[in-house]
Amino acid sequence: MNVPVVQIIEGFTTLNTELQSMQNLPAIQGAGAITTALEQLSAQITALSNQQTAMNTRITAELTALQTEVAGIKTEMGAVQHNAIARSFNGSLERLTSRLTPLHRSNGVEFENFPQNEIALDALDDNAIEVLLNSFGLVAGETLWEKRSRVRAFIGLGPVLGL
């Protein structure tokens, strides 16, 4: 068996090349696992992103609701402050013909049919006084004097005298 040395060297070179290629096989097989892991990681990142988007939407809605509630409270507080000043002003009037400062509802809007002065208030009949009491959210008394006294007290005036 006389094999030329060149063929033996070529055989060993081929064998060496093939053996070196075989060393890369585990890395190629691991590439599939790496790809799978990357796909799973990508899916998890997408799920987290969707959760964050949903959370942001929920937080934005809650913040908007809170801002609306705070705006309502500010309006109510403004009406309370206005009414306190109006009652003080109304209680300090010295003339029956002096203009009364109208009170505001909790939404900041003036009460309808608010009397212009004490003479106009004292001229209201039983039905008109009840309408005014109801708009203020007050319980009506039994007599006209009781009803008128409640309205006067609510708007900051002193008691009815001589009726």
C-alpha atoms as a PDB file:
ATOM      1  CA  MET A   1       0.000   0.000   0.000  1.00  0.00           C
ATOM      2  CA  ASN A   2       1.913   2.756  -1.274  1.00  0.00           C
ATOM      3  CA  VAL A   3      -0.130   5.820  -0.796  1.00  0.00           C
ATOM      4  CA  PRO A   4       1.569   8.932  -1.851  1.00  0.00           C
ATOM      5  CA  VAL A   5       2.409  11.260   0.970  1.00  0.00           C
ATOM      6  CA  VAL A   6       0.582  14.092  -0.742  1.00  0.00           C
ATOM      7  CA  GLN A   7      -2.686  12.169  -0.567  1.00  0.00           C
ATOM      8  CA  ILE A   8      -2.112  11.422   3.101  1.00  0.00           C
ATOM      9  CA  ILE A   9      -1.460  15.082   3.790  1.00  0.00           C
ATOM     10  CA  GLU A  10      -4.576  16.106   1.845  1.00  0.00           C
ATOM     11  CA  GLY A  11      -6.620  13.547   3.799  1.00  0.00           C
ATOM     12  CA  PHE A  12      -5.375  14.888   7.099  1.00  0.00           C
ATOM     13  CA  THR A  13      -6.047  18.451   5.958  1.00  0.00           C
ATOM     14  CA  THR A  14      -9.627  17.529   4.987  1.00  0.00           C
ATOM     15  CA  LEU A  15     -10.094  15.667   8.282  1.00  0.00           C
ATOM     16  CA  ASN A  16      -8.734  18.680  10.183  1.00  0.00           C
ATOM     17  CA  THR A  17     -11.104  21.024   8.345  1.00  0.00           C
ATOM     18  CA  GLU A  18     -14.105  18.788   9.057  1.00  0.00           C
ATOM     19  CA  LEU A  19     -13.163  18.449  12.724  1.00  0.00           C
ATOM     20  CA  GLN A  20     -12.896  22.230  13.035  1.00  0.00           C
ATOM     21  CA  SER A  21     -16.359  22.590  11.450  1.00  0.00           C
ATOM     22  CA  MET A  22     -17.800  20.113  13.931  1.00  0.00           C
ATOM     23  CA  GLN A  23     -16.701  22.338  16.816  1.00  0.00           C
ATOM     24  CA  ASN A  24     -19.205  24.946  15.574  1.00  0.00           C
ATOM     25  CA  LEU A  25     -22.152  22.549  15.584  1.00  0.00           C
ATOM     26  CA  PRO A  26     -23.084  23.120  19.289  1.00  0.00           C
ATOM     27  CA  ALA A  27     -23.076  26.877  18.681  1.00  0.00           C
ATOM     28  CA  ILE A  28     -25.376  26.438  15.692  1.00  0.00           C
ATOM     29  CA  GLN A  29     -27.670  24.187  17.716  1.00  0.00           C
ATOM     30  CA  GLY A  30     -27.587  26.781  20.551  1.00  0.00           C
ATOM     31  CA  ALA A  31     -28.575  29.457  18.050  1.00  0.00           C
ATOM     32  CA  GLY A  32     -32.050  27.935  17.862  1.00  0.00           C
ATOM     33  CA  ALA A  33     -32.381  28.142  21.644  1.00  0.00           C
ATOM     34  CA  ILE A  34     -31.112  31.714  21.592  1.00  0.00           C
ATOM     35  CA  THR A  35     -33.618  32.629  18.881  1.00  0.00           C
ATOM     36  CA  THR A  36     -36.439  31.054  20.890  1.00  0.00           C
ATOM     37  CA  ALA A  37     -35.336  32.920  24.026  1.00  0.00           C
ATOM     38  CA  LEU A  38     -35.198  36.208  22.078  1.00  0.00           C
ATOM     39  CA  GLU A  39     -38.704  35.621  20.700  1.00  0.00           C
ATOM     40  CA  GLN A  40     -39.999  34.934  24.223  1.00  0.00           C
ATOM     41  CA  LEU A  41     -38.250  38.047  25.531  1.00  0.00           C
ATOM     42  CA  SER A  42     -39.753  40.102  22.714  1.00  0.00           C
ATOM     43  CA  ALA A  43     -43.232  38.763  23.535  1.00  0.00           C
ATOM     44  CA  GLN A  44     -42.746  39.641  27.205  1.00  0.00           C
ATOM     45  CA  ILE A  45     -41.595  43.164  26.325  1.00  0.00           C
ATOM     46  CA  THR A  46     -44.659  43.595  24.083  1.00  0.00           C
ATOM     47  CA  ALA A  47     -46.939  42.380  26.897  1.00  0.00           C
ATOM     48  CA  LEU A  48     -45.307  44.796  29.360  1.00  0.00           C
ATOM     49  CA  SER A  49     -45.666  47.631  26.861  1.00  0.00           C
ATOM     50  CA  ASN A  50     -49.379  46.824  26.456  1.00  0.00           C
ATOM     51  CA  GLN A  51     -49.821  46.732  30.235  1.00  0.00           C
ATOM     52  CA  GLN A  52     -48.070  50.084  30.551  1.00  0.00           C
ATOM     53  CA  THR A  53     -50.283  51.585  27.843  1.00  0.00           C
ATOM     54  CA  ALA A  54     -53.402  50.304  29.621  1.00  0.00           C
ATOM     55  CA  MET A  55     -52.113  51.646  32.935  1.00  0.00           C
ATOM     56  CA  ASN A  56     -51.355  55.033  31.372  1.00  0.00           C
ATOM     57  CA  THR A  57     -54.872  55.164  29.939  1.00  0.00           C
ATOM     58  CA  ARG A  58     -56.395  54.295  33.314  1.00  0.00           C
ATOM     59  CA  ILE A  59     -54.214  56.852  35.136  1.00  0.00           C
ATOM     60  CA  THR A  60     -55.104  59.533  32.593  1.00  0.00           C
ATOM     61  CA  ALA A  61     -58.821  58.820  33.044  1.00  0.00           C
ATOM     62  CA  GLU A  62     -58.495  58.920  36.834  1.00  0.00           C
ATOM     63  CA  LEU A  63     -56.487  62.145  36.664  1.00  0.00           C
ATOM     64  CA  THR A  64     -59.098  63.741  34.413  1.00  0.00           C
ATOM     65  CA  ALA A  65     -61.860  62.697  36.821  1.00  0.00           C
ATOM     66  CA  LEU A  66     -59.862  64.081  39.736  1.00  0.00           C
ATOM     67  CA  GLN A  67     -59.281  67.379  37.920  1.00  0.00           C
ATOM     68  CA  THR A  68     -63.017  67.636  37.240  1.00  0.00           C
ATOM     69  CA  GLU A  69     -63.777  66.932  40.887  1.00  0.00           C
ATOM     70  CA  VAL A  70     -61.238  69.524  42.059  1.00  0.00           C
ATOM     71  CA  ALA A  71     -62.729  72.097  39.657  1.00  0.00           C
ATOM     72  CA  GLY A  72     -66.174  71.370  41.115  1.00  0.00           C
ATOM     73  CA  ILE A  73     -64.857  71.767  44.645  1.00  0.00           C
ATOM     74  CA  LYS A  74     -63.218  75.066  43.694  1.00  0.00           C
ATOM     75  CA  THR A  75     -66.531  76.280  42.282  1.00  0.00           C
ATOM     76  CA  GLU A  76     -68.382  75.222  45.425  1.00  0.00           C
ATOM     77  CA  MET A  77     -65.775  76.862  47.640  1.00  0.00           C
ATOM     78  CA  GLY A  78     -66.062  80.035  45.572  1.00  0.00           C
ATOM     79  CA  ALA A  79     -69.835  80.008  46.073  1.00  0.00           C
ATOM     80  CA  VAL A  80     -69.426  79.405  49.825  1.00  0.00           C
ATOM     81  CA  GLN A  81     -66.968  82.294  50.057  1.00  0.00           C
ATOM     82  CA  HIS A  82     -69.204  84.558  47.991  1.00  0.00           C
ATOM     83  CA  ASN A  83     -72.233  83.665  50.117  1.00  0.00           C
ATOM     84  CA  ALA A  84     -70.373  84.362  53.374  1.00  0.00           C
ATOM     85  CA  ILE A  85     -69.395  87.802  52.093  1.00  0.00           C
ATOM     86  CA  ALA A  86     -72.901  88.430  50.702  1.00  0.00           C
ATOM     87  CA  ARG A  87     -74.513  87.487  54.027  1.00  0.00           C
ATOM     88  CA  SER A  88     -72.143  89.776  55.888  1.00  0.00           C
ATOM     89  CA  PHE A  89     -72.848  92.591  53.463  1.00  0.00           C
ATOM     90  CA  ASN A  90     -76.626  91.981  53.557  1.00  0.00           C
ATOM     91  CA  GLY A  91     -76.570  91.992  57.364  1.00  0.00           C
ATOM     92  CA  SER A  92     -74.829  95.352  57.462  1.00  0.00           C
ATOM     93  CA  LEU A  93     -77.303  97.227  55.249  1.00  0.00           C
ATOM     94  CA  GLU A  94     -78.954 100.127  57.037  1.00  0.00           C
ATOM     95  CA  ARG A  95     -81.729 100.999  54.605  1.00  0.00           C
ATOM     96  CA  LEU A  96     -84.648  98.835  53.572  1.00  0.00           C
ATOM     97  CA  THR A  97     -84.172 100.030  49.994  1.00  0.00           C
ATOM     98  CA  SER A  98     -80.461  99.104  49.816  1.00  0.00           C
ATOM     99  CA  ARG A  99     -79.736  96.466  47.216  1.00  0.00           C
ATOM    100  CA  LEU A 100     -79.206  92.955  48.627  1.00  0.00           C
ATOM    101  CA  THR A 101     -76.234  90.963  47.393  1.00  0.00           C
ATOM    102  CA  PRO A 102     -77.657  87.784  45.803  1.00  0.00           C
ATOM    103  CA  LEU A 103     -76.418  84.414  47.067  1.00  0.00           C
ATOM    104  CA  HIS A 104     -75.022  81.776  44.699  1.00  0.00           C
ATOM    105  CA  ARG A 105     -75.856  78.124  44.256  1.00  0.00           C
ATOM    106  CA  SER A 106     -73.006  75.629  44.761  1.00  0.00           C
ATOM    107  CA  ASN A 107     -72.323  75.821  40.999  1.00  0.00           C
ATOM    108  CA  GLY A 108     -71.631  79.566  41.283  1.00  0.00           C
ATOM    109  CA  VAL A 109     -74.884  80.696  39.627  1.00  0.00           C
ATOM    110  CA  GLU A 110     -77.106  83.242  41.387  1.00  0.00           C
ATOM    111  CA  PHE A 111     -80.354  82.001  42.872  1.00  0.00           C
ATOM    112  CA  GLU A 112     -83.308  82.926  40.691  1.00  0.00           C
ATOM    113  CA  ASN A 113     -85.916  85.382  41.998  1.00  0.00           C
ATOM    114  CA  PHE A 114     -83.552  86.724  44.657  1.00  0.00           C
ATOM    115  CA  PRO A 115     -85.205  89.817  46.150  1.00  0.00           C
ATOM    116  CA  GLN A 116     -83.583  93.144  45.292  1.00  0.00           C
ATOM    117  CA  ASN A 117     -83.980  94.626  48.753  1.00  0.00           C
ATOM    118  CA  GLU A 118     -85.715  94.069  52.096  1.00  0.00           C
ATOM    119  CA  ILE A 119     -88.885  95.812  50.956  1.00  0.00           C
ATOM    120  CA  ALA A 120     -89.138  93.407  47.975  1.00  0.00           C
ATOM    121  CA  LEU A 121     -88.488  90.451  50.305  1.00  0.00           C
ATOM    122  CA  ASP A 122     -91.164  91.526  52.765  1.00  0.00           C
ATOM    123  CA  ALA A 123     -93.613  92.034  49.869  1.00  0.00           C
ATOM    124  CA  LEU A 124     -93.329  88.364  48.731  1.00  0.00           C
ATOM    125  CA  ASP A 125     -96.483  86.329  49.301  1.00  0.00           C
ATOM    126  CA  ASP A 126     -96.598  82.895  50.945  1.00  0.00           C
ATOM    127  CA  ASN A 127     -96.163  81.005  47.657  1.00  0.00           C
ATOM    128  CA  ALA A 128     -93.195  83.135  46.485  1.00  0.00           C
ATOM    129  CA  ILE A 129     -91.481  82.704  49.880  1.00  0.00           C
ATOM    130  CA  GLU A 130     -91.924  78.899  49.638  1.00  0.00           C
ATOM    131  CA  VAL A 131     -90.415  78.886  46.134  1.00  0.00           C
ATOM    132  CA  LEU A 132     -87.441  80.843  47.470  1.00  0.00           C
ATOM    133  CA  LEU A 133     -87.069  78.493  50.475  1.00  0.00           C
ATOM    134  CA  ASN A 134     -87.169  75.460  48.177  1.00  0.00           C
ATOM    135  CA  SER A 135     -84.534  76.938  45.886  1.00  0.00           C
ATOM    136  CA  PHE A 136     -82.324  77.483  48.966  1.00  0.00           C
ATOM    137  CA  GLY A 137     -82.943  73.885  50.028  1.00  0.00           C
ATOM    138  CA  LEU A 138     -84.610  75.020  53.253  1.00  0.00           C
ATOM    139  CA  VAL A 139     -87.648  73.512  54.950  1.00  0.00           C
ATOM    140  CA  ALA A 140     -90.600  75.842  54.954  1.00  0.00           C
ATOM    141  CA  GLY A 141     -92.153  76.868  58.247  1.00  0.00           C
ATOM    142  CA  GLU A 142     -95.842  76.764  58.949  1.00  0.00           C
ATOM    143  CA  THR A 143     -96.601  80.455  59.038  1.00  0.00           C
ATOM    144  CA  LEU A 144     -95.614  83.209  56.638  1.00  0.00           C
ATOM    145  CA  TRP A 145     -93.649  84.846  59.456  1.00  0.00           C
ATOM    146  CA  GLU A 146     -91.617  81.618  60.032  1.00  0.00           C
ATOM    147  CA  LYS A 147     -90.954  81.247  56.309  1.00  0.00           C
ATOM    148  CA  ARG A 148     -89.904  84.875  55.939  1.00  0.00           C
ATOM    149  CA  SER A 149     -87.667  84.587  59.041  1.00  0.00           C
ATOM    150  CA  ARG A 150     -85.886  81.555  57.550  1.00  0.00           C
ATOM    151  CA  VAL A 151     -85.257  83.350  54.275  1.00  0.00           C
ATOM    152  CA  ARG A 152     -83.996  86.444  56.105  1.00  0.00           C
ATOM    153  CA  ALA A 153     -81.648  84.400  58.281  1.00  0.00           C
ATOM    154  CA  PHE A 154     -80.360  82.424  55.290  1.00  0.00           C
ATOM    155  CA  ILE A 155     -79.457  85.535  53.300  1.00  0.00           C
ATOM    156  CA  GLY A 156     -77.883  87.287  56.298  1.00  0.00           C
ATOM    157  CA  LEU A 157     -80.633  89.636  57.436  1.00  0.00           C
ATOM    158  CA  GLY A 158     -81.845  90.056  60.959  1.00  0.00           C
ATOM    159  CA  PRO A 159     -85.246  88.812  62.147  1.00  0.00           C
ATOM    160  CA  VAL A 160     -88.544  90.189  60.863  1.00  0.00           C
ATOM    161  CA  LEU A 161     -89.687  92.991  63.087  1.00  0.00           C
ATOM    162  CA  GLY A 162     -93.283  93.963  63.708  1.00  0.00           C
ATOM    163  CA  LEU A 163     -94.955  91.303  61.545  1.00  0.00           C
END
